N, C-alpha and C. Protein backbone atom coordinates (compact mmCIF):
# COMPACT_ATOMS: atom_id res chain seq x y z
N MET A 1 0.81 -1.14 0.01
CA MET A 1 0.00 0.08 0.13
C MET A 1 0.92 1.18 -0.09
N GLY A 2 0.66 1.98 -1.11
CA GLY A 2 1.40 3.28 -1.07
C GLY A 2 1.01 4.48 -0.26
N THR A 3 1.84 5.39 -0.21
CA THR A 3 1.36 6.77 0.56
C THR A 3 0.62 7.72 -0.40
N VAL A 4 0.10 8.59 -0.05
CA VAL A 4 -0.46 9.81 -0.66
C VAL A 4 0.63 10.43 -1.82
N HIS A 5 1.74 10.50 -1.18
CA HIS A 5 2.98 11.11 -2.10
C HIS A 5 3.11 10.21 -3.35
N ASP A 6 3.10 8.94 -3.07
CA ASP A 6 3.46 7.96 -4.06
C ASP A 6 2.19 7.89 -5.13
N SER A 7 1.09 8.02 -4.62
CA SER A 7 -0.18 8.21 -5.50
C SER A 7 -0.39 9.31 -6.28
N PHE A 8 0.21 10.44 -5.80
CA PHE A 8 0.27 11.74 -6.47
C PHE A 8 1.42 11.45 -7.51
N ARG A 9 2.43 11.22 -7.18
CA ARG A 9 3.77 10.95 -7.95
C ARG A 9 3.12 10.04 -9.31
N ARG A 10 2.57 8.87 -9.02
CA ARG A 10 2.12 8.12 -10.10
C ARG A 10 1.07 8.90 -11.01
N GLN A 11 0.40 9.76 -10.45
CA GLN A 11 -0.59 10.34 -11.33
C GLN A 11 0.14 11.68 -12.15
N GLY A 12 1.29 11.86 -11.91
CA GLY A 12 2.15 12.92 -12.50
C GLY A 12 1.83 14.27 -11.85
N LEU A 13 1.61 14.15 -10.51
CA LEU A 13 1.32 15.34 -9.86
C LEU A 13 2.39 15.61 -8.74
N SER A 14 3.50 16.42 -9.21
CA SER A 14 4.66 16.55 -8.25
C SER A 14 4.95 18.17 -8.43
N ARG A 15 5.67 18.65 -7.50
CA ARG A 15 5.95 20.23 -7.64
C ARG A 15 7.52 20.01 -8.18
N PRO A 16 7.64 20.70 -9.38
CA PRO A 16 8.91 20.93 -10.14
C PRO A 16 9.98 21.56 -9.22
N ARG A 17 11.19 21.33 -9.39
CA ARG A 17 12.19 21.95 -8.64
C ARG A 17 12.41 23.39 -9.33
N GLU A 18 12.32 23.41 -10.71
CA GLU A 18 12.53 24.61 -11.45
C GLU A 18 11.16 25.16 -11.72
N GLY A 19 11.15 26.55 -11.69
CA GLY A 19 10.09 27.31 -12.09
C GLY A 19 8.94 27.49 -10.75
N ARG A 20 9.47 27.20 -9.54
CA ARG A 20 8.67 27.59 -8.42
C ARG A 20 8.64 28.96 -8.14
N LEU A 21 7.62 29.45 -7.69
CA LEU A 21 7.46 30.88 -7.10
C LEU A 21 7.30 30.97 -5.65
N LEU A 22 6.26 30.07 -5.20
CA LEU A 22 6.06 29.84 -3.86
C LEU A 22 6.27 28.53 -3.23
N GLY A 23 5.46 27.53 -3.76
CA GLY A 23 5.50 26.12 -3.21
C GLY A 23 5.61 25.25 -4.52
N GLY A 24 5.42 25.85 -5.74
CA GLY A 24 5.48 24.96 -7.04
C GLY A 24 4.21 24.17 -7.32
N VAL A 25 3.21 24.57 -6.52
CA VAL A 25 1.99 23.78 -6.85
C VAL A 25 1.27 24.11 -8.16
N CYS A 26 1.18 25.40 -8.26
CA CYS A 26 0.52 25.75 -9.66
C CYS A 26 1.43 25.18 -10.86
N ALA A 27 2.68 25.44 -10.64
CA ALA A 27 3.59 24.87 -11.66
C ALA A 27 3.41 23.35 -12.00
N GLY A 28 3.16 22.76 -10.69
CA GLY A 28 3.14 21.14 -10.88
C GLY A 28 1.84 20.94 -11.38
N LEU A 29 0.81 21.51 -11.06
CA LEU A 29 -0.62 21.34 -11.61
C LEU A 29 -0.76 21.54 -13.31
N GLY A 30 0.05 22.81 -13.62
CA GLY A 30 0.17 23.30 -14.77
C GLY A 30 0.83 22.10 -15.78
N ARG A 31 1.88 21.72 -15.06
CA ARG A 31 2.75 20.60 -15.93
C ARG A 31 1.67 19.39 -16.18
N ARG A 32 1.18 19.02 -15.04
CA ARG A 32 0.34 17.73 -15.16
C ARG A 32 -0.72 17.83 -16.29
N PHE A 33 -1.29 19.08 -16.35
CA PHE A 33 -2.28 19.13 -17.45
C PHE A 33 -2.01 20.08 -18.58
N GLY A 34 -0.67 20.04 -18.99
CA GLY A 34 -0.34 20.47 -20.19
C GLY A 34 -0.19 21.88 -20.25
N LEU A 35 -0.09 22.72 -19.18
CA LEU A 35 0.08 24.27 -19.18
C LEU A 35 1.33 24.65 -18.57
N ASP A 36 1.83 25.76 -19.27
CA ASP A 36 3.05 26.37 -18.74
C ASP A 36 2.68 26.95 -17.28
N PRO A 37 3.61 27.04 -16.41
CA PRO A 37 3.39 27.65 -15.12
C PRO A 37 2.47 28.91 -14.87
N TRP A 38 2.95 29.78 -15.92
CA TRP A 38 2.23 31.29 -15.65
C TRP A 38 0.86 31.28 -16.13
N PRO A 39 0.39 30.38 -17.10
CA PRO A 39 -1.03 30.41 -17.33
C PRO A 39 -1.80 29.55 -16.22
N ALA A 40 -1.19 28.70 -15.56
CA ALA A 40 -1.76 27.93 -14.37
C ALA A 40 -1.85 28.84 -13.34
N ARG A 41 -0.87 29.64 -13.05
CA ARG A 41 -0.87 30.75 -12.01
C ARG A 41 -2.07 31.80 -12.35
N LEU A 42 -2.25 32.01 -13.34
CA LEU A 42 -3.27 33.02 -13.72
C LEU A 42 -4.79 32.39 -13.67
N LEU A 43 -4.79 31.28 -14.18
CA LEU A 43 -6.02 30.54 -14.03
C LEU A 43 -6.46 30.47 -12.50
N PHE A 44 -5.58 29.98 -11.71
CA PHE A 44 -5.59 29.97 -10.13
C PHE A 44 -6.19 31.20 -9.63
N LEU A 45 -5.53 32.48 -10.14
CA LEU A 45 -6.04 33.89 -9.56
C LEU A 45 -7.52 33.98 -10.16
N LEU A 46 -7.55 33.71 -11.33
CA LEU A 46 -9.11 34.03 -11.90
C LEU A 46 -10.08 33.04 -11.11
N ILE A 47 -9.85 31.82 -10.80
CA ILE A 47 -10.78 30.97 -9.97
C ILE A 47 -10.80 31.65 -8.63
N LEU A 48 -9.84 32.37 -8.10
CA LEU A 48 -9.89 32.77 -6.83
C LEU A 48 -10.90 34.01 -6.87
N PHE A 49 -10.82 34.68 -7.89
CA PHE A 49 -11.82 35.99 -7.89
C PHE A 49 -13.18 35.48 -8.15
N VAL A 50 -13.28 34.44 -8.74
CA VAL A 50 -14.73 33.93 -9.15
C VAL A 50 -15.49 33.19 -7.89
N ILE A 51 -14.51 32.25 -7.16
CA ILE A 51 -15.15 31.63 -6.21
C ILE A 51 -14.17 31.90 -5.07
N PRO A 52 -14.05 32.96 -4.39
CA PRO A 52 -13.21 33.33 -3.22
C PRO A 52 -13.21 32.32 -2.21
N GLY A 53 -11.89 32.06 -1.56
CA GLY A 53 -11.53 31.42 -0.35
C GLY A 53 -11.32 30.04 -0.48
N SER A 54 -11.93 29.46 -1.19
CA SER A 54 -11.55 27.76 -1.19
C SER A 54 -10.05 27.54 -1.73
N GLN A 55 -9.62 28.23 -2.39
CA GLN A 55 -8.12 27.97 -3.03
C GLN A 55 -7.18 28.41 -1.90
N LEU A 56 -7.51 29.30 -1.05
CA LEU A 56 -6.52 29.51 -0.04
C LEU A 56 -6.66 28.49 1.07
N LEU A 57 -7.32 27.49 0.93
CA LEU A 57 -7.21 26.25 1.82
C LEU A 57 -6.72 25.19 1.12
N ILE A 58 -6.98 25.19 -0.18
CA ILE A 58 -6.68 24.07 -1.22
C ILE A 58 -5.04 24.07 -1.39
N TYR A 59 -4.47 25.27 -1.66
CA TYR A 59 -3.01 25.45 -2.00
C TYR A 59 -2.26 25.04 -1.04
N PRO A 60 -2.37 25.23 0.35
CA PRO A 60 -1.49 24.74 1.45
C PRO A 60 -1.51 23.32 1.46
N LEU A 61 -2.81 22.84 1.28
CA LEU A 61 -3.09 21.19 1.25
C LEU A 61 -2.31 20.65 0.36
N LEU A 62 -2.42 21.16 -0.92
CA LEU A 62 -1.66 20.48 -1.99
C LEU A 62 0.00 20.64 -1.98
N TRP A 63 0.40 21.89 -1.20
CA TRP A 63 1.61 21.99 -1.02
C TRP A 63 2.24 20.71 -0.10
N ILE A 64 1.46 20.57 0.80
CA ILE A 64 1.91 19.28 1.74
C ILE A 64 1.76 17.89 1.13
N LEU A 65 0.65 17.81 0.20
CA LEU A 65 0.37 16.23 -0.14
C LEU A 65 1.27 16.12 -1.46
N MET A 66 1.39 17.28 -2.29
CA MET A 66 2.25 16.92 -3.44
C MET A 66 3.68 16.70 -3.17
N PRO A 67 4.33 15.64 -3.67
CA PRO A 67 5.68 15.54 -3.46
C PRO A 67 6.57 16.35 -4.35
N SER A 68 7.75 16.76 -3.83
CA SER A 68 8.76 17.51 -4.52
C SER A 68 9.22 16.66 -5.52
N GLU A 69 9.85 16.95 -6.64
CA GLU A 69 10.34 16.27 -7.64
C GLU A 69 11.87 15.52 -7.09
N ASP A 70 12.49 16.28 -6.16
CA ASP A 70 13.77 15.80 -5.79
C ASP A 70 13.56 14.95 -4.46
N ALA A 71 12.12 14.54 -4.00
CA ALA A 71 12.03 13.78 -2.88
C ALA A 71 12.20 12.31 -3.39
N PRO A 72 12.65 11.59 -2.47
CA PRO A 72 13.07 9.89 -2.76
C PRO A 72 11.65 9.44 -2.90
N VAL A 73 11.74 8.37 -3.69
CA VAL A 73 10.60 7.48 -4.01
C VAL A 73 10.46 6.25 -3.07
N THR A 74 9.48 6.03 -2.31
CA THR A 74 9.29 5.01 -1.53
C THR A 74 8.87 3.89 -2.18
N THR A 75 9.74 2.80 -1.77
CA THR A 75 9.55 1.58 -2.52
C THR A 75 9.00 0.49 -1.44
N TYR A 76 8.22 -0.23 -1.70
CA TYR A 76 7.58 -1.43 -0.92
C TYR A 76 8.03 -2.90 -1.47
N PRO A 77 8.33 -3.61 -0.57
CA PRO A 77 8.63 -4.86 -1.01
C PRO A 77 7.45 -5.76 -1.46
N SER A 78 7.44 -6.46 -2.66
CA SER A 78 6.26 -7.08 -3.02
C SER A 78 5.85 -8.25 -2.17
N ALA A 79 4.66 -8.26 -1.86
CA ALA A 79 4.26 -9.35 -1.01
C ALA A 79 3.55 -10.48 -1.77
């Protein structure tokens, strides 16, 4: 059974080492969905203006849950 970080990494959700401004969450989400970091950040801000508040809770949560690119990969022995 894997961890949340392993699950996110398998889905292509990780915070890149290059291109971070704050935590790399928008850059990681943008890369996962095929966007450059700046359009992903602008989309985040646009959504923040349309639906205020929720993103301010989601961003720190994703910052904690999304693994950094340089974080070691956890491996488990096969059973």
